[in-house]
């Protein structure tokens, strides 16, 4: 009886304290309300559709009347001939992005931070931001024009005595091309977060380092990088959560039959099976596996980060 009384006495003040806090910051909650509604309607409510991964779903029978098959589609997916190929392609492209693309915004932000001419710095920032606003359709269109059989690149190759090649049909170049396109398109935009983090570094720390005789490289290593390390770790954790999400639009526009073996990833496979073939349950099982792996990776990386003494995402 005493335990129940003490438990109710502690939960009561907590509820009142929460209500008081919500009333006190009611204006902030009102501002956050559109975002909350968006996530509820377009992220949480559609999670009901995950059920079809465990059914032989038929649009005519609906969720409630379709036959339940348990983990049948997952077993078929894992035992299928395409699973290892899709997993290898997806991991390879994402690991290459992690090695080459992820550090690119950091390096560019550090270089921009060293510019002292404000006008020139804003001009460079504007130039490197612009590719982000181009859709992948335009980017792939530009690439196709440049690297087609009669494109600019082949004209240069022929001009210097070489032989024209079909660059877009070479499997050995497909994955590195995907990474280079991402670097060109998104590196400038990715510098925004790092430049914001760099702006919070106190100038007094640099002044003290100069008085101690530290060079620019020493200042970079001992002041700049440690100051933005939490931001780097946070973005790295988020990147690990998307390790199996390469991006559908770019890969889909770049694919052709000659590069399918090295370019086909989970996103394009789910599109073919779910939309083109109409196998919604099988495609949902593949998509759910993709999401679960991302969740496990981000939770594991977050826990490891905290054990190493850094701040995690939560």
Protein backbone atom coordinates (compact mmCIF):
# COMPACT_ATOMS: atom_id res chain seq x y z
CA UNK A 1 0.00 0.00 0.00
CA UNK A 2 2.83 2.35 0.87
CA UNK A 3 4.58 1.53 -2.42
CA UNK A 4 1.47 2.37 -4.44
CA UNK A 5 0.97 5.58 -2.52
CA UNK A 6 4.58 6.69 -3.03
CA UNK A 7 4.46 5.81 -6.74
CA UNK A 8 1.27 7.79 -7.30
CA UNK A 9 2.65 10.70 -5.29
CA UNK A 10 5.74 10.88 -7.52
CA UNK A 11 3.93 10.51 -10.84
CA UNK A 12 1.39 13.17 -9.91
CA UNK A 13 3.90 16.04 -9.53
CA UNK A 14 5.70 14.88 -12.67
CA UNK A 15 2.52 15.15 -14.73
CA UNK A 16 1.75 18.58 -13.27
CA UNK A 17 5.32 19.70 -13.92
CA UNK A 18 5.10 18.50 -17.55
CA UNK A 19 1.78 20.30 -18.06
CA UNK A 20 3.18 23.49 -16.55
CA UNK A 21 6.23 23.24 -18.80
CA UNK A 22 4.06 22.73 -21.88
CA UNK A 23 1.89 25.71 -20.94
CA UNK A 24 4.96 27.86 -20.29
CA UNK A 25 6.46 27.06 -23.68
CA UNK A 26 3.12 26.81 -25.50
CA UNK A 27 4.24 29.18 -28.25
CA UNK A 28 7.18 26.93 -29.10
CA UNK A 29 4.88 23.90 -29.18
CA UNK A 30 2.55 25.76 -31.54
CA UNK A 31 5.51 26.52 -33.82
CA UNK A 32 6.51 22.85 -33.76
CA UNK A 33 2.95 21.67 -34.41
CA UNK A 34 3.15 21.70 -38.27
CA UNK A 35 6.32 19.60 -38.17
CA UNK A 36 4.75 17.17 -35.69
CA UNK A 37 1.65 16.81 -37.88
CA UNK A 38 3.84 16.26 -40.94
CA UNK A 39 5.79 13.42 -39.30
CA UNK A 40 2.60 11.84 -37.94
CA UNK A 41 0.81 11.88 -41.30
CA UNK A 42 3.66 11.04 -43.66
CA UNK A 43 6.07 9.00 -41.51
CA UNK A 44 4.20 7.25 -38.68
CA UNK A 45 0.74 6.61 -40.13
CA UNK A 46 2.21 4.97 -43.31
CA UNK A 47 4.13 2.54 -41.08
CA UNK A 48 0.87 0.57 -41.03
CA UNK A 49 1.84 -0.50 -44.54
CA UNK A 50 4.73 -2.55 -43.13
CA UNK A 51 2.16 -5.29 -42.51
CA UNK A 52 2.11 -6.25 -46.17
CA UNK A 53 5.68 -7.56 -45.82
CA UNK A 54 4.16 -10.41 -43.79
CA UNK A 55 1.23 -11.02 -46.16
CA UNK A 56 0.51 -12.14 -49.68
CA UNK A 57 -0.94 -8.71 -50.19
CA UNK A 58 -3.61 -8.10 -52.80
CA UNK A 59 -4.88 -4.57 -53.46
CA UNK A 60 -8.34 -6.04 -54.03
CA UNK A 61 -8.44 -7.77 -50.64
CA UNK A 62 -6.71 -5.04 -48.64
CA UNK A 63 -4.70 -5.26 -45.42
CA UNK A 64 -7.28 -7.10 -43.36
CA UNK A 65 -8.27 -9.84 -45.81
CA UNK A 66 -4.90 -10.67 -47.41
CA UNK A 67 -3.37 -14.00 -46.38
CA UNK A 68 -0.67 -13.96 -43.70
CA UNK A 69 2.55 -15.73 -44.65
CA UNK A 70 4.87 -14.67 -41.81
CA UNK A 71 8.54 -14.37 -42.80
CA UNK A 72 8.16 -16.12 -46.15
CA UNK A 73 9.09 -13.04 -48.22
CA UNK A 74 12.14 -12.34 -46.04
CA UNK A 75 13.36 -15.92 -46.50
CA UNK A 76 12.84 -15.69 -50.26
CA UNK A 77 14.70 -12.37 -50.33
CA UNK A 78 17.70 -13.62 -48.35
CA UNK A 79 17.93 -16.88 -50.27
CA UNK A 80 17.42 -15.28 -53.66
CA UNK A 81 20.15 -15.05 -56.27
CA UNK A 82 20.14 -11.25 -56.17
CA UNK A 83 20.62 -10.65 -52.44
CA UNK A 84 24.43 -10.88 -52.23
CA UNK A 85 24.86 -8.86 -55.42
CA UNK A 86 22.55 -6.11 -54.19
CA UNK A 87 24.17 -6.06 -50.76
CA UNK A 88 27.67 -5.89 -52.24
CA UNK A 89 26.81 -3.07 -54.66
CA UNK A 90 25.00 -1.04 -52.02
CA UNK A 91 27.74 -1.41 -49.41
CA UNK A 92 30.53 -0.70 -51.89
CA UNK A 93 28.97 2.53 -53.14
CA UNK A 94 28.18 3.72 -49.61
CA UNK A 95 31.62 2.84 -48.27
CA UNK A 96 33.20 4.78 -51.13
CA UNK A 97 30.95 7.71 -50.26
CA UNK A 98 31.99 7.43 -46.63
CA UNK A 99 35.69 7.48 -47.53
CA UNK A 100 35.70 10.08 -50.32
CA UNK A 101 32.47 12.09 -50.12
CA UNK A 102 32.02 12.52 -46.36
CA UNK A 103 35.37 14.29 -45.75
CA UNK A 104 34.94 16.56 -48.81
CA UNK A 105 32.60 19.12 -47.14
CA UNK A 106 34.88 19.23 -44.10
CA UNK A 107 37.96 19.97 -46.22
CA UNK A 108 36.10 22.58 -48.28
CA UNK A 109 34.72 24.25 -45.14
CA UNK A 110 38.23 24.44 -43.66
CA UNK A 111 39.56 25.98 -46.88
CA UNK A 112 36.71 28.52 -47.04
CA UNK A 113 37.27 29.38 -43.40
CA UNK A 114 40.83 30.40 -44.21
CA UNK A 115 39.74 32.99 -46.79
CA UNK A 116 40.09 36.52 -45.43
CA UNK A 117 38.51 38.44 -48.32
CA UNK A 118 34.80 38.43 -47.42
CA UNK A 119 33.60 39.28 -50.94
CA UNK A 120 35.67 36.55 -52.57
CA UNK A 121 34.59 34.07 -49.86
CA UNK A 122 30.89 34.73 -50.51
CA UNK A 123 31.46 34.40 -54.25
CA UNK A 124 33.16 31.01 -53.86
CA UNK A 125 30.45 29.82 -51.47
CA UNK A 126 27.75 30.76 -53.97
CA UNK A 127 29.50 28.91 -56.78
CA UNK A 128 29.96 25.70 -54.79
CA UNK A 129 26.37 25.82 -53.47
CA UNK A 130 24.75 26.04 -56.92
CA UNK A 131 25.01 22.36 -57.98
CA UNK A 132 22.87 21.34 -55.00
CA UNK A 133 19.86 23.08 -56.54
CA UNK A 134 20.11 21.08 -59.76
CA UNK A 135 17.95 17.97 -59.91
CA UNK A 136 19.55 14.62 -60.60
CA UNK A 137 17.77 14.61 -63.96
CA UNK A 138 19.72 17.71 -65.00
CA UNK A 139 22.99 16.44 -63.52
CA UNK A 140 22.74 13.08 -65.29
CA UNK A 141 21.68 14.90 -68.48
CA UNK A 142 24.83 17.05 -68.35
CA UNK A 143 26.95 13.99 -67.66
CA UNK A 144 25.38 12.13 -70.58
CA UNK A 145 26.07 15.01 -72.95
CA UNK A 146 29.69 15.22 -71.86
CA UNK A 147 30.47 11.48 -71.82
CA UNK A 148 28.35 10.22 -74.71
CA UNK A 149 29.99 8.69 -77.80
CA UNK A 150 30.04 12.09 -79.52
CA UNK A 151 30.38 14.14 -76.33
CA UNK A 152 32.94 16.69 -75.25
CA UNK A 153 35.16 14.19 -73.42
CA UNK A 154 35.44 11.83 -76.39
CA UNK A 155 36.18 14.75 -78.71
CA UNK A 156 39.12 15.68 -76.46
CA UNK A 157 40.30 12.06 -76.37
CA UNK A 158 40.19 11.82 -80.19
CA UNK A 159 41.89 15.22 -80.52
CA UNK A 160 44.86 13.95 -78.52
CA UNK A 161 45.12 10.75 -80.55
CA UNK A 162 43.04 8.43 -78.40
CA UNK A 163 40.02 6.27 -79.19
CA UNK A 164 36.48 7.26 -78.26
CA UNK A 165 34.95 5.11 -75.53
CA UNK A 166 31.47 4.41 -74.25
CA UNK A 167 32.10 5.76 -70.76
CA UNK A 168 28.56 5.24 -69.48
CA UNK A 169 28.63 1.55 -70.40
CA UNK A 170 31.86 0.67 -68.58
CA UNK A 171 31.06 -1.32 -65.39
CA UNK A 172 34.48 -0.59 -63.86
CA UNK A 173 33.73 3.15 -63.84
CA UNK A 174 30.11 3.10 -62.67
CA UNK A 175 30.53 3.15 -58.88
CA UNK A 176 33.31 5.75 -58.81
CA UNK A 177 31.23 7.88 -61.18
CA UNK A 178 28.32 7.79 -58.72
CA UNK A 179 30.60 8.97 -55.91
CA UNK A 180 32.18 11.74 -58.01
CA UNK A 181 28.76 13.01 -59.03
CA UNK A 182 27.76 13.21 -55.37
CA UNK A 183 30.96 15.07 -54.51
CA UNK A 184 30.38 17.62 -57.28
CA UNK A 185 26.70 18.13 -56.47
CA UNK A 186 26.54 18.08 -52.67
CA UNK A 187 29.96 19.05 -51.28
CA UNK A 188 29.25 22.79 -51.36
CA UNK A 189 25.90 22.39 -49.65
CA UNK A 190 27.41 20.13 -47.00
CA UNK A 191 29.82 22.86 -45.95
CA UNK A 192 26.99 24.96 -44.46
CA UNK A 193 26.84 22.95 -41.23
CA UNK A 194 30.62 22.88 -40.82
CA UNK A 195 30.99 26.59 -41.53
CA UNK A 196 28.34 27.27 -38.88
CA UNK A 197 30.31 25.12 -36.43
CA UNK A 198 33.54 26.93 -37.33
CA UNK A 199 31.93 30.32 -36.72
CA UNK A 200 31.36 29.35 -33.07
CA UNK A 201 35.09 28.84 -32.41
CA UNK A 202 36.37 31.66 -30.21
CA UNK A 203 38.93 33.95 -31.97
CA UNK A 204 40.72 34.30 -28.63
CA UNK A 205 41.87 30.69 -28.90
CA UNK A 206 43.60 31.47 -32.21
CA UNK A 207 45.11 34.65 -30.79
CA UNK A 208 46.52 32.72 -27.84
CA UNK A 209 47.91 30.09 -30.22
CA UNK A 210 49.60 32.76 -32.35
CA UNK A 211 51.20 34.26 -29.24
CA UNK A 212 52.53 30.79 -28.38
CA UNK A 213 54.05 30.53 -31.86
CA UNK A 214 51.65 27.95 -33.30
CA UNK A 215 51.61 27.66 -37.09
CA UNK A 216 48.43 27.56 -39.16
CA UNK A 217 48.64 23.77 -39.39
CA UNK A 218 49.07 23.50 -35.61
CA UNK A 219 46.06 25.77 -35.06
CA UNK A 220 44.04 23.64 -37.45
CA UNK A 221 44.99 20.41 -35.70
CA UNK A 222 44.71 21.58 -32.09
CA UNK A 223 41.89 24.14 -32.23
CA UNK A 224 39.76 23.94 -35.38
CA UNK A 225 39.29 20.20 -35.76
CA UNK A 226 38.62 19.52 -32.04
CA UNK A 227 36.06 22.34 -32.06
CA UNK A 228 34.02 20.82 -34.88
CA UNK A 229 34.55 17.19 -33.82
CA UNK A 230 31.05 16.84 -32.23
CA UNK A 231 29.48 18.03 -35.50
CA UNK A 232 31.59 15.58 -37.52
CA UNK A 233 30.64 12.69 -35.25
CA UNK A 234 26.93 13.56 -35.37
CA UNK A 235 26.88 13.69 -39.17
CA UNK A 236 28.93 10.50 -39.37
CA UNK A 237 26.36 8.70 -37.20
CA UNK A 238 23.56 9.91 -39.45
CA UNK A 239 25.52 8.75 -42.51
CA UNK A 240 25.96 5.29 -41.00
CA UNK A 241 22.19 5.08 -40.56
CA UNK A 242 21.82 5.42 -44.34
CA UNK A 243 24.50 2.89 -45.21
CA UNK A 244 22.02 0.83 -47.26
CA UNK A 245 20.27 3.85 -48.81
CA UNK A 246 22.27 4.87 -51.84
CA UNK A 247 19.64 7.09 -53.42
CA UNK A 248 17.17 5.87 -55.98
CA UNK A 249 16.96 8.68 -58.54
CA UNK A 250 20.66 8.99 -59.35
CA UNK A 251 21.24 5.23 -59.64
CA UNK A 252 18.06 4.70 -61.64
CA UNK A 253 19.00 7.37 -64.19
CA UNK A 254 22.53 6.01 -64.55
CA UNK A 255 21.61 2.34 -64.93
CA UNK A 256 21.74 0.49 -68.23
CA UNK A 257 21.91 -3.25 -68.99
CA UNK A 258 25.72 -3.25 -69.27
CA UNK A 259 26.29 -1.85 -65.76
CA UNK A 260 23.38 -3.57 -64.01
CA UNK A 261 25.63 -6.10 -62.26
CA UNK A 262 27.62 -3.37 -60.47
CA UNK A 263 24.93 -0.67 -60.27
CA UNK A 264 21.80 -2.47 -59.16
CA UNK A 265 21.07 -1.64 -55.48
CA UNK A 266 18.24 -2.30 -53.02
CA UNK A 267 16.33 0.84 -54.01
CA UNK A 268 16.22 0.02 -57.73
CA UNK A 269 15.48 -3.65 -57.01
CA UNK A 270 12.53 -2.73 -54.78
CA UNK A 271 11.25 -0.43 -57.54
CA UNK A 272 11.38 -3.20 -60.16
CA UNK A 273 9.84 -5.84 -57.92
CA UNK A 274 7.26 -3.65 -56.21
CA UNK A 275 6.15 -1.23 -58.93
CA UNK A 276 6.95 -2.89 -62.24
CA UNK A 277 6.29 -6.51 -61.23
CA UNK A 278 3.52 -5.71 -58.77
CA UNK A 279 4.99 -7.89 -55.99
CA UNK A 280 4.25 -5.42 -53.20
CA UNK A 281 4.81 -7.82 -50.31
CA UNK A 282 8.22 -8.97 -51.48
CA UNK A 283 9.35 -5.41 -52.16
CA UNK A 284 8.09 -4.28 -48.74
CA UNK A 285 10.09 -7.06 -47.07
CA UNK A 286 13.25 -5.89 -48.87
CA UNK A 287 12.57 -2.28 -47.91
CA UNK A 288 11.90 -3.20 -44.27
CA UNK A 289 15.18 -5.12 -44.10
CA UNK A 290 16.94 -2.02 -45.43
CA UNK A 291 15.39 0.19 -42.75
CA UNK A 292 16.08 -2.25 -39.90
CA UNK A 293 19.76 -2.52 -40.80
CA UNK A 294 20.03 1.27 -40.83
CA UNK A 295 18.35 1.49 -37.42
CA UNK A 296 20.64 -1.14 -35.90
CA UNK A 297 23.73 0.54 -37.30
CA UNK A 298 22.85 3.99 -36.04
CA UNK A 299 21.96 2.69 -32.55
CA UNK A 300 25.18 0.66 -32.35
CA UNK A 301 27.33 3.54 -33.57
CA UNK A 302 25.64 5.94 -31.16
CA UNK A 303 26.30 3.60 -28.22
CA UNK A 304 29.93 3.09 -29.26
CA UNK A 305 30.40 6.85 -29.56
CA UNK A 306 29.16 7.40 -26.01
CA UNK A 307 31.46 4.68 -24.70
CA UNK A 308 34.39 6.52 -26.30
CA UNK A 309 33.45 9.65 -24.37
CA UNK A 310 31.81 11.62 -27.17
CA UNK A 311 28.30 12.99 -27.42
CA UNK A 312 25.89 10.86 -29.39
CA UNK A 313 22.67 11.72 -31.15
CA UNK A 314 20.57 10.86 -28.08
